[in-house]
Amino acid sequence: MAEIVSEYDPAEDLASPDAISVFVNEALKTGDAAYVTHALGVVARAKDMAGIAREAGLSSDGNPTLKTALAVMKALGISLAADVAG
């Protein structure tokens, strides 16, 4: 019997500020800038990508820099925190 696999979109599960906080914090823990950027994109998609891009002042051609990530985080109402590693 063939197994049916459906696509999962994590944006569908990010309906509350707490869910968004956990999702972004887990991404930040990886230390992988590309993954953090991806996670912010998922959150932006969950919260209306076009509106977030306008609020963050982003152009349609994209600009994956820390400045952009911080602008998106501000538009999403997400703050960045640092912890002592180790």
PDB file of N, CA and C in Angstrom:
ATOM      1  N   MET A   1       0.842  -1.166   0.000  1.00  0.00           N
ATOM      2  CA  MET A   1       0.000   0.000   0.000  1.00  0.00           C
ATOM      3  C   MET A   1       0.892   1.236   0.000  1.00  0.00           C
ATOM      4  N   ALA A   2       0.571   2.197  -0.837  1.00  0.00           N
ATOM      5  CA  ALA A   2       1.350   3.426  -0.933  1.00  0.00           C
ATOM      6  C   ALA A   2       1.020   4.341   0.239  1.00  0.00           C
ATOM      7  N   GLU A   3       2.060   4.922   0.797  1.00  0.00           N
ATOM      8  CA  GLU A   3       1.873   5.860   1.907  1.00  0.00           C
ATOM      9  C   GLU A   3       1.595   7.244   1.341  1.00  0.00           C
ATOM     10  N   ILE A   4       0.569   7.898   1.883  1.00  0.00           N
ATOM     11  CA  ILE A   4       0.219   9.236   1.433  1.00  0.00           C
ATOM     12  C   ILE A   4       0.881  10.240   2.368  1.00  0.00           C
ATOM     13  N   VAL A   5       1.656  11.140   1.789  1.00  0.00           N
ATOM     14  CA  VAL A   5       2.352  12.157   2.559  1.00  0.00           C
ATOM     15  C   VAL A   5       1.841  13.518   2.108  1.00  0.00           C
ATOM     16  N   SER A   6       1.429  14.315   3.057  1.00  0.00           N
ATOM     17  CA  SER A   6       0.976  15.656   2.707  1.00  0.00           C
ATOM     18  C   SER A   6       2.024  16.659   3.163  1.00  0.00           C
ATOM     19  N   GLU A   7       2.036  17.804   2.495  1.00  0.00           N
ATOM     20  CA  GLU A   7       2.999  18.842   2.859  1.00  0.00           C
ATOM     21  C   GLU A   7       2.581  19.513   4.159  1.00  0.00           C
ATOM     22  N   TYR A   8       3.555  19.802   4.985  1.00  0.00           N
ATOM     23  CA  TYR A   8       3.315  20.465   6.260  1.00  0.00           C
ATOM     24  C   TYR A   8       3.859  21.881   6.176  1.00  0.00           C
ATOM     25  N   ASP A   9       3.053  22.842   6.561  1.00  0.00           N
ATOM     26  CA  ASP A   9       3.477  24.237   6.587  1.00  0.00           C
ATOM     27  C   ASP A   9       3.470  24.707   8.037  1.00  0.00           C
ATOM     28  N   PRO A  10       4.643  24.913   8.647  1.00  0.00           N
ATOM     29  CA  PRO A  10       4.680  25.324  10.052  1.00  0.00           C
ATOM     30  C   PRO A  10       3.992  26.655  10.307  1.00  0.00           C
ATOM     31  N   ALA A  11       3.817  27.477   9.278  1.00  0.00           N
ATOM     32  CA  ALA A  11       3.136  28.758   9.450  1.00  0.00           C
ATOM     33  C   ALA A  11       1.710  28.561   9.948  1.00  0.00           C
ATOM     34  N   GLU A  12       1.117  27.419   9.613  1.00  0.00           N
ATOM     35  CA  GLU A  12      -0.248  27.134  10.038  1.00  0.00           C
ATOM     36  C   GLU A  12      -0.362  26.953  11.553  1.00  0.00           C
ATOM     37  N   ASP A  13       0.732  26.630  12.214  1.00  0.00           N
ATOM     38  CA  ASP A  13       0.719  26.383  13.658  1.00  0.00           C
ATOM     39  C   ASP A  13       1.199  27.582  14.476  1.00  0.00           C
ATOM     40  N   LEU A  14       1.431  28.704  13.832  1.00  0.00           N
ATOM     41  CA  LEU A  14       1.955  29.876  14.530  1.00  0.00           C
ATOM     42  C   LEU A  14       0.859  30.921  14.718  1.00  0.00           C
ATOM     43  N   ALA A  15      -0.153  30.545  15.477  1.00  0.00           N
ATOM     44  CA  ALA A  15      -1.311  31.413  15.657  1.00  0.00           C
ATOM     45  C   ALA A  15      -1.218  32.306  16.889  1.00  0.00           C
ATOM     46  N   SER A  16      -0.282  32.025  17.787  1.00  0.00           N
ATOM     47  CA  SER A  16      -0.199  32.821  19.012  1.00  0.00           C
ATOM     48  C   SER A  16       1.207  33.400  19.176  1.00  0.00           C
ATOM     49  N   PRO A  17       1.316  34.485  19.925  1.00  0.00           N
ATOM     50  CA  PRO A  17       2.651  35.043  20.199  1.00  0.00           C
ATOM     51  C   PRO A  17       3.564  34.036  20.897  1.00  0.00           C
ATOM     52  N   ASP A  18       3.019  33.198  21.769  1.00  0.00           N
ATOM     53  CA  ASP A  18       3.847  32.191  22.445  1.00  0.00           C
ATOM     54  C   ASP A  18       4.406  31.175  21.458  1.00  0.00           C
ATOM     55  N   ALA A  19       3.579  30.720  20.519  1.00  0.00           N
ATOM     56  CA  ALA A  19       4.043  29.761  19.514  1.00  0.00           C
ATOM     57  C   ALA A  19       5.138  30.374  18.653  1.00  0.00           C
ATOM     58  N   ILE A  20       4.965  31.634  18.290  1.00  0.00           N
ATOM     59  CA  ILE A  20       5.974  32.331  17.490  1.00  0.00           C
ATOM     60  C   ILE A  20       7.272  32.463  18.274  1.00  0.00           C
ATOM     61  N   SER A  21       7.173  32.805  19.546  1.00  0.00           N
ATOM     62  CA  SER A  21       8.355  32.958  20.395  1.00  0.00           C
ATOM     63  C   SER A  21       9.139  31.654  20.491  1.00  0.00           C
ATOM     64  N   VAL A  22       8.442  30.563  20.737  1.00  0.00           N
ATOM     65  CA  VAL A  22       9.112  29.256  20.833  1.00  0.00           C
ATOM     66  C   VAL A  22       9.773  28.913  19.508  1.00  0.00           C
ATOM     67  N   PHE A  23       9.063  29.111  18.412  1.00  0.00           N
ATOM     68  CA  PHE A  23       9.575  28.776  17.079  1.00  0.00           C
ATOM     69  C   PHE A  23      10.853  29.556  16.764  1.00  0.00           C
ATOM     70  N   VAL A  24      10.823  30.873  16.990  1.00  0.00           N
ATOM     71  CA  VAL A  24      11.986  31.706  16.683  1.00  0.00           C
ATOM     72  C   VAL A  24      13.133  31.409  17.642  1.00  0.00           C
ATOM     73  N   ASN A  25      12.842  31.211  18.915  1.00  0.00           N
ATOM     74  CA  ASN A  25      13.911  30.887  19.868  1.00  0.00           C
ATOM     75  C   ASN A  25      14.604  29.577  19.522  1.00  0.00           C
ATOM     76  N   GLU A  26      13.846  28.589  19.098  1.00  0.00           N
ATOM     77  CA  GLU A  26      14.459  27.320  18.689  1.00  0.00           C
ATOM     78  C   GLU A  26      15.346  27.523  17.466  1.00  0.00           C
ATOM     79  N   ALA A  27      14.913  28.368  16.540  1.00  0.00           N
ATOM     80  CA  ALA A  27      15.738  28.664  15.367  1.00  0.00           C
ATOM     81  C   ALA A  27      17.018  29.381  15.781  1.00  0.00           C
ATOM     82  N   LEU A  28      16.900  30.355  16.692  1.00  0.00           N
ATOM     83  CA  LEU A  28      18.081  31.090  17.159  1.00  0.00           C
ATOM     84  C   LEU A  28      19.086  30.177  17.840  1.00  0.00           C
ATOM     85  N   LYS A  29      18.600  29.178  18.555  1.00  0.00           N
ATOM     86  CA  LYS A  29      19.492  28.244  19.254  1.00  0.00           C
ATOM     87  C   LYS A  29      20.395  27.462  18.302  1.00  0.00           C
ATOM     88  N   THR A  30      19.980  27.326  17.040  1.00  0.00           N
ATOM     89  CA  THR A  30      20.807  26.575  16.090  1.00  0.00           C
ATOM     90  C   THR A  30      22.069  27.330  15.723  1.00  0.00           C
ATOM     91  N   GLY A  31      22.026  28.664  15.825  1.00  0.00           N
ATOM     92  CA  GLY A  31      23.182  29.457  15.429  1.00  0.00           C
ATOM     93  C   GLY A  31      23.374  29.500  13.923  1.00  0.00           C
ATOM     94  N   ASP A  32      22.410  29.011  13.177  1.00  0.00           N
ATOM     95  CA  ASP A  32      22.490  28.948  11.725  1.00  0.00           C
ATOM     96  C   ASP A  32      21.703  30.123  11.134  1.00  0.00           C
ATOM     97  N   ALA A  33      22.428  31.112  10.592  1.00  0.00           N
ATOM     98  CA  ALA A  33      21.792  32.324  10.078  1.00  0.00           C
ATOM     99  C   ALA A  33      20.763  32.019   9.001  1.00  0.00           C
ATOM    100  N   ALA A  34      21.048  31.063   8.137  1.00  0.00           N
ATOM    101  CA  ALA A  34      20.100  30.721   7.066  1.00  0.00           C
ATOM    102  C   ALA A  34      18.819  30.142   7.656  1.00  0.00           C
ATOM    103  N   TYR A  35      18.952  29.320   8.689  1.00  0.00           N
ATOM    104  CA  TYR A  35      17.772  28.725   9.319  1.00  0.00           C
ATOM    105  C   TYR A  35      16.954  29.785  10.058  1.00  0.00           C
ATOM    106  N   VAL A  36      17.635  30.709  10.734  1.00  0.00           N
ATOM    107  CA  VAL A  36      16.934  31.792  11.429  1.00  0.00           C
ATOM    108  C   VAL A  36      16.172  32.644  10.416  1.00  0.00           C
ATOM    109  N   THR A  37      16.813  32.950   9.298  1.00  0.00           N
ATOM    110  CA  THR A  37      16.163  33.723   8.245  1.00  0.00           C
ATOM    111  C   THR A  37      14.941  32.980   7.717  1.00  0.00           C
ATOM    112  N   HIS A  38      15.084  31.678   7.518  1.00  0.00           N
ATOM    113  CA  HIS A  38      13.962  30.850   7.070  1.00  0.00           C
ATOM    114  C   HIS A  38      12.826  30.899   8.091  1.00  0.00           C
ATOM    115  N   ALA A  39      13.156  30.771   9.373  1.00  0.00           N
ATOM    116  CA  ALA A  39      12.146  30.790  10.435  1.00  0.00           C
ATOM    117  C   ALA A  39      11.405  32.131  10.449  1.00  0.00           C
ATOM    118  N   LEU A  40      12.132  33.223  10.276  1.00  0.00           N
ATOM    119  CA  LEU A  40      11.487  34.539  10.223  1.00  0.00           C
ATOM    120  C   LEU A  40      10.550  34.634   9.021  1.00  0.00           C
ATOM    121  N   GLY A  41      10.939  34.026   7.920  1.00  0.00           N
ATOM    122  CA  GLY A  41      10.067  33.992   6.744  1.00  0.00           C
ATOM    123  C   GLY A  41       8.795  33.207   7.014  1.00  0.00           C
ATOM    124  N   VAL A  42       8.915  32.107   7.735  1.00  0.00           N
ATOM    125  CA  VAL A  42       7.737  31.310   8.095  1.00  0.00           C
ATOM    126  C   VAL A  42       6.800  32.136   8.967  1.00  0.00           C
ATOM    127  N   VAL A  43       7.369  32.842   9.945  1.00  0.00           N
ATOM    128  CA  VAL A  43       6.548  33.671  10.831  1.00  0.00           C
ATOM    129  C   VAL A  43       5.895  34.801  10.032  1.00  0.00           C
ATOM    130  N   ALA A  44       6.656  35.426   9.155  1.00  0.00           N
ATOM    131  CA  ALA A  44       6.101  36.501   8.337  1.00  0.00           C
ATOM    132  C   ALA A  44       4.952  35.988   7.469  1.00  0.00           C
ATOM    133  N   ARG A  45       5.115  34.785   6.930  1.00  0.00           N
ATOM    134  CA  ARG A  45       4.052  34.189   6.115  1.00  0.00           C
ATOM    135  C   ARG A  45       2.815  33.932   6.971  1.00  0.00           C
ATOM    136  N   ALA A  46       3.023  33.507   8.208  1.00  0.00           N
ATOM    137  CA  ALA A  46       1.910  33.243   9.115  1.00  0.00           C
ATOM    138  C   ALA A  46       1.172  34.529   9.480  1.00  0.00           C
ATOM    139  N   LYS A  47       1.866  35.656   9.440  1.00  0.00           N
ATOM    140  CA  LYS A  47       1.289  36.916   9.897  1.00  0.00           C
ATOM    141  C   LYS A  47       1.029  37.908   8.766  1.00  0.00           C
ATOM    142  N   ASP A  48       1.035  37.471   7.525  1.00  0.00           N
ATOM    143  CA  ASP A  48       0.784  38.333   6.360  1.00  0.00           C
ATOM    144  C   ASP A  48       2.093  38.909   5.835  1.00  0.00           C
ATOM    145  N   MET A  49       2.735  38.159   4.998  1.00  0.00           N
ATOM    146  CA  MET A  49       4.052  38.494   4.452  1.00  0.00           C
ATOM    147  C   MET A  49       4.109  39.892   3.841  1.00  0.00           C
ATOM    148  N   ALA A  50       3.118  40.244   3.035  1.00  0.00           N
ATOM    149  CA  ALA A  50       3.158  41.541   2.351  1.00  0.00           C
ATOM    150  C   ALA A  50       3.092  42.685   3.350  1.00  0.00           C
ATOM    151  N   GLY A  51       2.241  42.553   4.343  1.00  0.00           N
ATOM    152  CA  GLY A  51       2.120  43.604   5.356  1.00  0.00           C
ATOM    153  C   GLY A  51       3.389  43.742   6.171  1.00  0.00           C
ATOM    154  N   ILE A  52       4.003  42.622   6.513  1.00  0.00           N
ATOM    155  CA  ILE A  52       5.254  42.636   7.282  1.00  0.00           C
ATOM    156  C   ILE A  52       6.356  43.287   6.450  1.00  0.00           C
ATOM    157  N   ALA A  53       6.439  42.942   5.175  1.00  0.00           N
ATOM    158  CA  ALA A  53       7.464  43.528   4.303  1.00  0.00           C
ATOM    159  C   ALA A  53       7.293  45.038   4.208  1.00  0.00           C
ATOM    160  N   ARG A  54       6.044  45.486   4.068  1.00  0.00           N
ATOM    161  CA  ARG A  54       5.797  46.935   4.010  1.00  0.00           C
ATOM    162  C   ARG A  54       6.202  47.601   5.323  1.00  0.00           C
ATOM    163  N   GLU A  55       5.786  47.007   6.443  1.00  0.00           N
ATOM    164  CA  GLU A  55       6.090  47.589   7.749  1.00  0.00           C
ATOM    165  C   GLU A  55       7.595  47.620   8.015  1.00  0.00           C
ATOM    166  N   ALA A  56       8.306  46.603   7.529  1.00  0.00           N
ATOM    167  CA  ALA A  56       9.752  46.536   7.727  1.00  0.00           C
ATOM    168  C   ALA A  56      10.514  47.370   6.703  1.00  0.00           C
ATOM    169  N   GLY A  57       9.826  47.897   5.688  1.00  0.00           N
ATOM    170  CA  GLY A  57      10.471  48.724   4.676  1.00  0.00           C
ATOM    171  C   GLY A  57      11.321  47.929   3.709  1.00  0.00           C
ATOM    172  N   LEU A  58      10.885  46.707   3.375  1.00  0.00           N
ATOM    173  CA  LEU A  58      11.665  45.845   2.484  1.00  0.00           C
ATOM    174  C   LEU A  58      11.224  46.008   1.043  1.00  0.00           C
ATOM    175  N   SER A  59      12.171  45.824   0.140  1.00  0.00           N
ATOM    176  CA  SER A  59      11.846  45.859  -1.278  1.00  0.00           C
ATOM    177  C   SER A  59      11.490  44.451  -1.739  1.00  0.00           C
ATOM    178  N   SER A  60      10.912  44.350  -2.922  1.00  0.00           N
ATOM    179  CA  SER A  60      10.487  43.049  -3.430  1.00  0.00           C
ATOM    180  C   SER A  60      11.653  42.166  -3.861  1.00  0.00           C
ATOM    181  N   ASP A  61      12.844  42.738  -4.064  1.00  0.00           N
ATOM    182  CA  ASP A  61      13.987  41.929  -4.497  1.00  0.00           C
ATOM    183  C   ASP A  61      14.682  41.239  -3.327  1.00  0.00           C
ATOM    184  N   GLY A  62      14.300  41.552  -2.113  1.00  0.00           N
ATOM    185  CA  GLY A  62      14.861  40.884  -0.945  1.00  0.00           C
ATOM    186  C   GLY A  62      16.227  41.415  -0.574  1.00  0.00           C
ATOM    187  N   ASN A  63      16.621  41.189   0.669  1.00  0.00           N
ATOM    188  CA  ASN A  63      17.908  41.657   1.157  1.00  0.00           C
ATOM    189  C   ASN A  63      18.233  40.898   2.442  1.00  0.00           C
ATOM    190  N   PRO A  64      18.727  39.669   2.338  1.00  0.00           N
ATOM    191  CA  PRO A  64      18.914  38.827   3.521  1.00  0.00           C
ATOM    192  C   PRO A  64      20.137  39.232   4.362  1.00  0.00           C
ATOM    193  N   THR A  65      20.015  40.346   5.067  1.00  0.00           N
ATOM    194  CA  THR A  65      21.084  40.803   5.929  1.00  0.00           C
ATOM    195  C   THR A  65      20.581  40.850   7.362  1.00  0.00           C
ATOM    196  N   LEU A  66      21.493  41.059   8.306  1.00  0.00           N
ATOM    197  CA  LEU A  66      21.082  41.195   9.700  1.00  0.00           C
ATOM    198  C   LEU A  66      20.158  42.393   9.861  1.00  0.00           C
ATOM    199  N   LYS A  67      20.447  43.470   9.137  1.00  0.00           N
ATOM    200  CA  LYS A  67      19.591  44.652   9.195  1.00  0.00           C
ATOM    201  C   LYS A  67      18.161  44.299   8.779  1.00  0.00           C
ATOM    202  N   THR A  68      18.037  43.508   7.724  1.00  0.00           N
ATOM    203  CA  THR A  68      16.725  43.071   7.266  1.00  0.00           C
ATOM    204  C   THR A  68      16.057  42.187   8.308  1.00  0.00           C
ATOM    205  N   ALA A  69      16.803  41.240   8.841  1.00  0.00           N
ATOM    206  CA  ALA A  69      16.241  40.336   9.851  1.00  0.00           C
ATOM    207  C   ALA A  69      15.749  41.119  11.061  1.00  0.00           C
ATOM    208  N   LEU A  70      16.511  42.100  11.500  1.00  0.00           N
ATOM    209  CA  LEU A  70      16.098  42.912  12.644  1.00  0.00           C
ATOM    210  C   LEU A  70      14.850  43.732  12.323  1.00  0.00           C
ATOM    211  N   ALA A  71      14.762  44.248  11.094  1.00  0.00           N
ATOM    212  CA  ALA A  71      13.578  45.005  10.693  1.00  0.00           C
ATOM    213  C   ALA A  71      12.344  44.108  10.659  1.00  0.00           C
ATOM    214  N   VAL A  72      12.503  42.897  10.140  1.00  0.00           N
ATOM    215  CA  VAL A  72      11.389  41.947  10.109  1.00  0.00           C
ATOM    216  C   VAL A  72      10.990  41.568  11.522  1.00  0.00           C
ATOM    217  N   MET A  73      11.966  41.313  12.386  1.00  0.00           N
ATOM    218  CA  MET A  73      11.655  40.959  13.768  1.00  0.00           C
ATOM    219  C   MET A  73      10.893  42.084  14.460  1.00  0.00           C
ATOM    220  N   LYS A  74      11.299  43.314  14.218  1.00  0.00           N
ATOM    221  CA  LYS A  74      10.599  44.452  14.821  1.00  0.00           C
ATOM    222  C   LYS A  74       9.163  44.514  14.317  1.00  0.00           C
ATOM    223  N   ALA A  75       8.974  44.331  13.015  1.00  0.00           N
ATOM    224  CA  ALA A  75       7.640  44.354  12.437  1.00  0.00           C
ATOM    225  C   ALA A  75       6.767  43.219  12.971  1.00  0.00           C
ATOM    226  N   LEU A  76       7.392  42.091  13.312  1.00  0.00           N
ATOM    227  CA  LEU A  76       6.659  40.948  13.855  1.00  0.00           C
ATOM    228  C   LEU A  76       6.444  41.054  15.359  1.00  0.00           C
ATOM    229  N   GLY A  77       7.070  42.048  15.983  1.00  0.00           N
ATOM    230  CA  GLY A  77       6.952  42.180  17.429  1.00  0.00           C
ATOM    231  C   GLY A  77       7.816  41.181  18.183  1.00  0.00           C
ATOM    232  N   ILE A  78       8.926  40.771  17.563  1.00  0.00           N
ATOM    233  CA  ILE A  78       9.842  39.802  18.154  1.00  0.00           C
ATOM    234  C   ILE A  78      11.107  40.535  18.581  1.00  0.00           C
ATOM    235  N   SER A  79      11.582  40.269  19.795  1.00  0.00           N
ATOM    236  CA  SER A  79      12.841  40.858  20.228  1.00  0.00           C
ATOM    237  C   SER A  79      13.917  39.778  20.219  1.00  0.00           C
ATOM    238  N   LEU A  80      15.141  40.208  20.124  1.00  0.00           N
ATOM    239  CA  LEU A  80      16.279  39.313  20.116  1.00  0.00           C
ATOM    240  C   LEU A  80      16.966  39.400  21.469  1.00  0.00           C
ATOM    241  N   ALA A  81      17.303  38.260  22.036  1.00  0.00           N
ATOM    242  CA  ALA A  81      17.972  38.222  23.325  1.00  0.00           C
ATOM    243  C   ALA A  81      19.235  37.387  23.205  1.00  0.00           C
ATOM    244  N   ALA A  82      20.180  37.666  24.076  1.00  0.00           N
ATOM    245  CA  ALA A  82      21.426  36.888  24.087  1.00  0.00           C
ATOM    246  C   ALA A  82      21.544  36.173  25.424  1.00  0.00           C
ATOM    247  N   ASP A  83      22.088  34.975  25.375  1.00  0.00           N
ATOM    248  CA  ASP A  83      22.334  34.152  26.552  1.00  0.00           C
ATOM    249  C   ASP A  83      23.799  33.753  26.538  1.00  0.00           C
ATOM    250  N   VAL A  84      24.353  33.482  27.682  1.00  0.00           N
ATOM    251  CA  VAL A  84      25.720  32.997  27.749  1.00  0.00           C
ATOM    252  C   VAL A  84      25.742  31.563  27.263  1.00  0.00           C
ATOM    253  N   ALA A  85      26.561  31.288  26.268  1.00  0.00           N
ATOM    254  CA  ALA A  85      26.661  29.926  25.725  1.00  0.00           C
ATOM    255  C   ALA A  85      27.560  29.086  26.607  1.00  0.00           C
ATOM    256  N   GLY A  86      27.255  27.826  26.628  1.00  0.00           N
ATOM    257  CA  GLY A  86      28.176  26.953  27.332  1.00  0.00           C
ATOM    258  C   GLY A  86      27.561  26.179  28.349  1.00  0.00           C
TER     259      GLY A  86
END
